[in-house]
Amino acid sequence: MSEPTGTSTRSRLLASGATLFGEKGYDGASIREICKHASTSMNMIHHYFGSKEGLLNAIVEQFGSDIFVVPMRLLDKVPRSKEDFLSRMEMLLESTLEAYIEQRAVLLVVVREQADPSALREYMERFVEFLEQSKKKGFVRKEVDSEMITGAMHDRVLNQVLFAPWIKRSFGIDVLADATYKRRWCNANLDLLMHGFVP
């Protein structure tokens, strides 16, 4: 089988594995099918990853700290003012949504296989810490449960990205590509998280 030019065999295997594991699950996608999808010979998974499980682990590791670079930078310092806090929350929601859209294929595998990427755990822990520090500064109500807020925001972003094809079919909204909609969605969710909906 001749190798296509342009991308490395390892990259194609990672992309094909993510696509097929996301669609069919780990047990449903065969090595033969992944290699065919990647336009490479069957022994390449063993050459690069040792096994099908090694490929899965490498895919999950792609959901690593590099996709959280911008969100983590926003969480690094205690906000200086309420305006700084609100601005960071807005950028955090937008950058997390963009990171999940960019890594959607890997995200599907992570969710389907119930993997536990350390980068995601670190991001969630840092977000809780950021909210706790913001409480001490008076930017967040003391009675707010920081873990629940972190989870709620993460769930909103995760579900928006995971259900993007259904949203497009049902409502004609392209969550993954419509910049105007993404901005509106982020603003509405941030408003809901910050102010609720009771006047």
C-alpha atoms as a PDB file:
ATOM      1  CA  MET A   1       0.000   0.000   0.000  1.00  0.00           C
ATOM      2  CA  SER A   2       1.523   3.331  -1.019  1.00  0.00           C
ATOM      3  CA  GLU A   3       1.704   6.067   1.618  1.00  0.00           C
ATOM      4  CA  PRO A   4      -0.125   9.363   0.884  1.00  0.00           C
ATOM      5  CA  THR A   5       2.055  12.426   1.053  1.00  0.00           C
ATOM      6  CA  GLY A   6       1.438  15.449   3.244  1.00  0.00           C
ATOM      7  CA  THR A   7       0.870  13.952   6.688  1.00  0.00           C
ATOM      8  CA  SER A   8       2.843  11.427   8.648  1.00  0.00           C
ATOM      9  CA  THR A   9       1.611   7.872   9.089  1.00  0.00           C
ATOM     10  CA  ARG A  10       1.488   8.385  12.851  1.00  0.00           C
ATOM     11  CA  SER A  11      -0.691  11.505  12.471  1.00  0.00           C
ATOM     12  CA  ARG A  12      -3.050   9.739  10.095  1.00  0.00           C
ATOM     13  CA  LEU A  13      -3.391   6.810  12.493  1.00  0.00           C
ATOM     14  CA  LEU A  14      -4.181   9.184  15.377  1.00  0.00           C
ATOM     15  CA  ALA A  15      -6.795  11.012  13.274  1.00  0.00           C
ATOM     16  CA  SER A  16      -8.332   7.790  11.942  1.00  0.00           C
ATOM     17  CA  GLY A  17      -8.352   6.186  15.385  1.00  0.00           C
ATOM     18  CA  ALA A  18     -10.052   9.249  16.878  1.00  0.00           C
ATOM     19  CA  THR A  19     -12.678   9.271  14.127  1.00  0.00           C
ATOM     20  CA  LEU A  20     -13.470   5.552  14.318  1.00  0.00           C
ATOM     21  CA  PHE A  21     -13.244   5.200  18.113  1.00  0.00           C
ATOM     22  CA  GLY A  22     -15.521   8.249  18.357  1.00  0.00           C
ATOM     23  CA  GLU A  23     -18.044   6.735  15.929  1.00  0.00           C
ATOM     24  CA  LYS A  24     -17.896   3.057  16.895  1.00  0.00           C
ATOM     25  CA  GLY A  25     -16.179   2.888  20.268  1.00  0.00           C
ATOM     26  CA  TYR A  26     -12.945   1.126  21.132  1.00  0.00           C
ATOM     27  CA  ASP A  27     -14.434  -2.363  20.779  1.00  0.00           C
ATOM     28  CA  GLY A  28     -16.315  -1.530  17.583  1.00  0.00           C
ATOM     29  CA  ALA A  29     -13.335  -0.232  15.578  1.00  0.00           C
ATOM     30  CA  SER A  30     -10.870  -2.832  14.318  1.00  0.00           C
ATOM     31  CA  ILE A  31      -7.153  -2.356  13.686  1.00  0.00           C
ATOM     32  CA  ARG A  32      -7.751  -3.335  10.056  1.00  0.00           C
ATOM     33  CA  GLU A  33     -10.445  -0.657   9.675  1.00  0.00           C
ATOM     34  CA  ILE A  34      -8.321   2.052  11.324  1.00  0.00           C
ATOM     35  CA  CYS A  35      -5.329   1.275   9.107  1.00  0.00           C
ATOM     36  CA  LYS A  36      -7.483   1.225   5.978  1.00  0.00           C
ATOM     37  CA  HIS A  37      -8.999   4.590   6.963  1.00  0.00           C
ATOM     38  CA  ALA A  38      -5.462   5.942   7.511  1.00  0.00           C
ATOM     39  CA  SER A  39      -4.267   4.511   4.158  1.00  0.00           C
ATOM     40  CA  THR A  40      -1.479   2.517   5.747  1.00  0.00           C
ATOM     41  CA  SER A  41      -0.523  -1.091   6.359  1.00  0.00           C
ATOM     42  CA  MET A  42      -1.769  -3.082   9.358  1.00  0.00           C
ATOM     43  CA  ASN A  43       1.561  -3.326  11.153  1.00  0.00           C
ATOM     44  CA  MET A  44       1.867   0.464  11.523  1.00  0.00           C
ATOM     45  CA  ILE A  45      -0.302   0.604  14.670  1.00  0.00           C
ATOM     46  CA  HIS A  46       2.052  -1.872  16.325  1.00  0.00           C
ATOM     47  CA  HIS A  47       5.075   0.016  15.007  1.00  0.00           C
ATOM     48  CA  TYR A  48       3.978   3.413  16.389  1.00  0.00           C
ATOM     49  CA  PHE A  49       1.779   2.525  19.359  1.00  0.00           C
ATOM     50  CA  GLY A  50       2.479  -1.086  20.302  1.00  0.00           C
ATOM     51  CA  SER A  51      -1.197  -2.059  20.234  1.00  0.00           C
ATOM     52  CA  LYS A  52      -4.734  -0.838  19.671  1.00  0.00           C
ATOM     53  CA  GLU A  53      -4.847   0.148  23.351  1.00  0.00           C
ATOM     54  CA  GLY A  54      -1.612   2.100  22.892  1.00  0.00           C
ATOM     55  CA  LEU A  55      -3.286   3.996  20.031  1.00  0.00           C
ATOM     56  CA  LEU A  56      -6.279   4.780  22.253  1.00  0.00           C
ATOM     57  CA  ASN A  57      -3.971   6.065  25.003  1.00  0.00           C
ATOM     58  CA  ALA A  58      -2.080   8.247  22.507  1.00  0.00           C
ATOM     59  CA  ILE A  59      -5.389   9.696  21.254  1.00  0.00           C
ATOM     60  CA  VAL A  60      -6.533  10.509  24.802  1.00  0.00           C
ATOM     61  CA  GLU A  61      -3.149  12.111  25.516  1.00  0.00           C
ATOM     62  CA  GLN A  62      -3.799  14.506  22.612  1.00  0.00           C
ATOM     63  CA  PHE A  63      -6.497  15.927  24.835  1.00  0.00           C
ATOM     64  CA  GLY A  64      -3.614  17.363  26.760  1.00  0.00           C
ATOM     65  CA  SER A  65      -2.469  20.534  28.367  1.00  0.00           C
ATOM     66  CA  ASP A  66      -1.734  22.203  25.003  1.00  0.00           C
ATOM     67  CA  ILE A  67      -5.471  22.611  24.265  1.00  0.00           C
ATOM     68  CA  PHE A  68      -5.957  24.338  27.611  1.00  0.00           C
ATOM     69  CA  VAL A  69      -3.093  26.837  27.175  1.00  0.00           C
ATOM     70  CA  VAL A  70      -5.368  29.880  26.837  1.00  0.00           C
ATOM     71  CA  PRO A  71      -7.911  28.846  29.502  1.00  0.00           C
ATOM     72  CA  MET A  72      -5.132  27.982  31.966  1.00  0.00           C
ATOM     73  CA  ARG A  73      -3.446  31.341  31.374  1.00  0.00           C
ATOM     74  CA  LEU A  74      -6.743  33.063  32.224  1.00  0.00           C
ATOM     75  CA  LEU A  75      -6.975  31.087  35.467  1.00  0.00           C
ATOM     76  CA  ASP A  76      -3.362  31.674  36.514  1.00  0.00           C
ATOM     77  CA  LYS A  77      -3.752  34.958  38.372  1.00  0.00           C
ATOM     78  CA  VAL A  78      -6.243  36.314  40.864  1.00  0.00           C
ATOM     79  CA  PRO A  79      -8.449  38.929  39.144  1.00  0.00           C
ATOM     80  CA  ARG A  80      -7.611  42.547  40.017  1.00  0.00           C
ATOM     81  CA  SER A  81     -11.191  43.849  39.857  1.00  0.00           C
ATOM     82  CA  LYS A  82     -14.763  42.719  39.235  1.00  0.00           C
ATOM     83  CA  GLU A  83     -14.414  43.893  35.622  1.00  0.00           C
ATOM     84  CA  ASP A  84     -11.240  41.809  35.257  1.00  0.00           C
ATOM     85  CA  PHE A  85     -13.065  38.808  36.732  1.00  0.00           C
ATOM     86  CA  LEU A  86     -16.025  39.186  34.332  1.00  0.00           C
ATOM     87  CA  SER A  87     -13.716  39.679  31.364  1.00  0.00           C
ATOM     88  CA  ARG A  88     -11.741  36.557  32.223  1.00  0.00           C
ATOM     89  CA  MET A  89     -14.903  34.507  32.670  1.00  0.00           C
ATOM     90  CA  GLU A  90     -16.080  35.593  29.226  1.00  0.00           C
ATOM     91  CA  MET A  91     -12.736  34.736  27.618  1.00  0.00           C
ATOM     92  CA  LEU A  92     -12.597  31.459  29.573  1.00  0.00           C
ATOM     93  CA  LEU A  93     -15.971  30.317  28.255  1.00  0.00           C
ATOM     94  CA  GLU A  94     -15.073  31.306  24.676  1.00  0.00           C
ATOM     95  CA  SER A  95     -11.592  29.741  24.742  1.00  0.00           C
ATOM     96  CA  THR A  96     -12.872  26.497  26.289  1.00  0.00           C
ATOM     97  CA  LEU A  97     -15.583  26.246  23.642  1.00  0.00           C
ATOM     98  CA  GLU A  98     -13.015  26.827  20.869  1.00  0.00           C
ATOM     99  CA  ALA A  99     -10.603  24.278  22.393  1.00  0.00           C
ATOM    100  CA  TYR A 100     -13.349  21.630  22.497  1.00  0.00           C
ATOM    101  CA  ILE A 101     -14.437  22.409  18.944  1.00  0.00           C
ATOM    102  CA  GLU A 102     -10.834  22.121  17.750  1.00  0.00           C
ATOM    103  CA  GLN A 103     -10.414  18.757  19.494  1.00  0.00           C
ATOM    104  CA  ARG A 104     -13.971  17.455  18.930  1.00  0.00           C
ATOM    105  CA  ALA A 105     -12.886  14.075  17.487  1.00  0.00           C
ATOM    106  CA  VAL A 106     -10.639  13.414  20.484  1.00  0.00           C
ATOM    107  CA  LEU A 107     -13.310  14.744  22.847  1.00  0.00           C
ATOM    108  CA  LEU A 108     -15.780  12.187  21.471  1.00  0.00           C
ATOM    109  CA  VAL A 109     -13.314   9.397  22.246  1.00  0.00           C
ATOM    110  CA  VAL A 110     -12.632  10.748  25.745  1.00  0.00           C
ATOM    111  CA  VAL A 111     -16.369  10.853  26.510  1.00  0.00           C
ATOM    112  CA  ARG A 112     -17.284   7.567  24.815  1.00  0.00           C
ATOM    113  CA  GLU A 113     -14.472   5.624  26.482  1.00  0.00           C
ATOM    114  CA  GLN A 114     -14.882   7.518  29.784  1.00  0.00           C
ATOM    115  CA  ALA A 115     -11.190   8.388  29.783  1.00  0.00           C
ATOM    116  CA  ASP A 116      -9.777  10.692  32.440  1.00  0.00           C
ATOM    117  CA  PRO A 117      -7.214  13.019  30.834  1.00  0.00           C
ATOM    118  CA  SER A 118      -5.017  14.600  33.493  1.00  0.00           C
ATOM    119  CA  ALA A 119      -5.091  17.954  31.648  1.00  0.00           C
ATOM    120  CA  LEU A 120      -8.884  18.135  31.976  1.00  0.00           C
ATOM    121  CA  ARG A 121      -8.690  17.303  35.685  1.00  0.00           C
ATOM    122  CA  GLU A 122      -6.035  19.994  36.187  1.00  0.00           C
ATOM    123  CA  TYR A 123      -8.153  22.535  34.278  1.00  0.00           C
ATOM    124  CA  MET A 124     -11.221  21.800  36.428  1.00  0.00           C
ATOM    125  CA  GLU A 125      -9.200  22.001  39.669  1.00  0.00           C
ATOM    126  CA  ARG A 126      -7.632  25.293  38.586  1.00  0.00           C
ATOM    127  CA  PHE A 127     -11.046  26.718  37.707  1.00  0.00           C
ATOM    128  CA  VAL A 128     -12.391  25.847  41.184  1.00  0.00           C
ATOM    129  CA  GLU A 129      -9.322  27.478  42.746  1.00  0.00           C
ATOM    130  CA  PHE A 130      -9.836  30.602  40.593  1.00  0.00           C
ATOM    131  CA  LEU A 131     -13.445  30.908  41.796  1.00  0.00           C
ATOM    132  CA  GLU A 132     -12.395  30.391  45.416  1.00  0.00           C
ATOM    133  CA  GLN A 133      -9.768  33.145  45.099  1.00  0.00           C
ATOM    134  CA  SER A 134     -12.365  35.388  43.475  1.00  0.00           C
ATOM    135  CA  LYS A 135     -14.695  34.785  46.448  1.00  0.00           C
ATOM    136  CA  LYS A 136     -12.018  36.099  48.807  1.00  0.00           C
ATOM    137  CA  LYS A 137     -11.805  39.267  46.701  1.00  0.00           C
ATOM    138  CA  GLY A 138     -15.588  39.711  46.794  1.00  0.00           C
ATOM    139  CA  PHE A 139     -16.141  39.059  43.070  1.00  0.00           C
ATOM    140  CA  VAL A 140     -18.141  35.857  43.707  1.00  0.00           C
ATOM    141  CA  ARG A 141     -20.802  35.309  46.370  1.00  0.00           C
ATOM    142  CA  LYS A 142     -19.399  33.381  49.342  1.00  0.00           C
ATOM    143  CA  GLU A 143     -22.272  30.855  49.336  1.00  0.00           C
ATOM    144  CA  VAL A 144     -21.652  29.809  45.700  1.00  0.00           C
ATOM    145  CA  ASP A 145     -20.447  26.216  45.329  1.00  0.00           C
ATOM    146  CA  SER A 146     -17.346  26.631  43.143  1.00  0.00           C
ATOM    147  CA  GLU A 147     -17.248  22.973  42.119  1.00  0.00           C
ATOM    148  CA  MET A 148     -20.876  23.085  40.961  1.00  0.00           C
ATOM    149  CA  ILE A 149     -20.312  26.273  38.937  1.00  0.00           C
ATOM    150  CA  THR A 150     -17.201  24.757  37.339  1.00  0.00           C
ATOM    151  CA  GLY A 151     -19.129  21.586  36.512  1.00  0.00           C
ATOM    152  CA  ALA A 152     -22.128  23.501  35.148  1.00  0.00           C
ATOM    153  CA  MET A 153     -19.974  25.597  32.830  1.00  0.00           C
ATOM    154  CA  HIS A 154     -18.033  22.564  31.662  1.00  0.00           C
ATOM    155  CA  ASP A 155     -21.257  20.611  31.048  1.00  0.00           C
ATOM    156  CA  ARG A 156     -22.725  23.453  28.967  1.00  0.00           C
ATOM    157  CA  VAL A 157     -19.631  23.651  26.736  1.00  0.00           C
ATOM    158  CA  LEU A 158     -19.258  19.881  26.473  1.00  0.00           C
ATOM    159  CA  ASN A 159     -22.883  19.304  25.487  1.00  0.00           C
ATOM    160  CA  GLN A 160     -22.864  22.146  22.969  1.00  0.00           C
ATOM    161  CA  VAL A 161     -19.896  20.574  21.170  1.00  0.00           C
ATOM    162  CA  LEU A 162     -20.984  16.931  21.501  1.00  0.00           C
ATOM    163  CA  PHE A 163     -24.507  17.619  20.223  1.00  0.00           C
ATOM    164  CA  ALA A 164     -23.424  19.991  17.446  1.00  0.00           C
ATOM    165  CA  PRO A 165     -24.546  17.660  14.593  1.00  0.00           C
ATOM    166  CA  TRP A 166     -27.992  17.192  16.173  1.00  0.00           C
ATOM    167  CA  ILE A 167     -28.335  20.962  16.770  1.00  0.00           C
ATOM    168  CA  LYS A 168     -27.466  21.599  13.123  1.00  0.00           C
ATOM    169  CA  ARG A 169     -29.973  19.003  11.857  1.00  0.00           C
ATOM    170  CA  SER A 170     -32.750  20.090  14.228  1.00  0.00           C
ATOM    171  CA  PHE A 171     -32.323  23.871  14.294  1.00  0.00           C
ATOM    172  CA  GLY A 172     -30.056  24.693  11.359  1.00  0.00           C
ATOM    173  CA  ILE A 173     -27.413  26.215  13.658  1.00  0.00           C
ATOM    174  CA  ASP A 174     -23.789  25.345  12.941  1.00  0.00           C
ATOM    175  CA  VAL A 175     -22.374  25.416  16.464  1.00  0.00           C
ATOM    176  CA  LEU A 176     -18.907  24.491  15.230  1.00  0.00           C
ATOM    177  CA  ALA A 177     -18.506  27.203  12.600  1.00  0.00           C
ATOM    178  CA  ASP A 178     -21.002  30.054  13.104  1.00  0.00           C
ATOM    179  CA  ALA A 179     -18.965  32.757  14.894  1.00  0.00           C
ATOM    180  CA  THR A 180     -22.013  34.982  15.499  1.00  0.00           C
ATOM    181  CA  TYR A 181     -23.926  32.135  17.132  1.00  0.00           C
ATOM    182  CA  LYS A 182     -20.927  31.096  19.251  1.00  0.00           C
ATOM    183  CA  ARG A 183     -20.573  34.657  20.575  1.00  0.00           C
ATOM    184  CA  ARG A 184     -24.315  34.849  21.344  1.00  0.00           C
ATOM    185  CA  TRP A 185     -24.228  31.419  23.015  1.00  0.00           C
ATOM    186  CA  CYS A 186     -21.242  32.382  25.192  1.00  0.00           C
ATOM    187  CA  ASN A 187     -22.842  35.702  26.215  1.00  0.00           C
ATOM    188  CA  ALA A 188     -26.187  34.075  27.069  1.00  0.00           C
ATOM    189  CA  ASN A 189     -24.558  31.291  29.102  1.00  0.00           C
ATOM    190  CA  LEU A 190     -22.259  33.660  30.929  1.00  0.00           C
ATOM    191  CA  ASP A 191     -25.235  35.877  31.770  1.00  0.00           C
ATOM    192  CA  LEU A 192     -27.156  32.834  33.037  1.00  0.00           C
ATOM    193  CA  LEU A 193     -24.213  31.642  35.151  1.00  0.00           C
ATOM    194  CA  MET A 194     -23.525  35.083  36.572  1.00  0.00           C
ATOM    195  CA  HIS A 195     -27.057  36.429  37.091  1.00  0.00           C
ATOM    196  CA  GLY A 196     -29.551  33.568  36.829  1.00  0.00           C
ATOM    197  CA  PHE A 197     -32.884  34.293  35.164  1.00  0.00           C
ATOM    198  CA  VAL A 198     -35.050  35.515  38.039  1.00  0.00           C
ATOM    199  CA  PRO A 199     -35.316  39.351  38.076  1.00  0.00           C
END
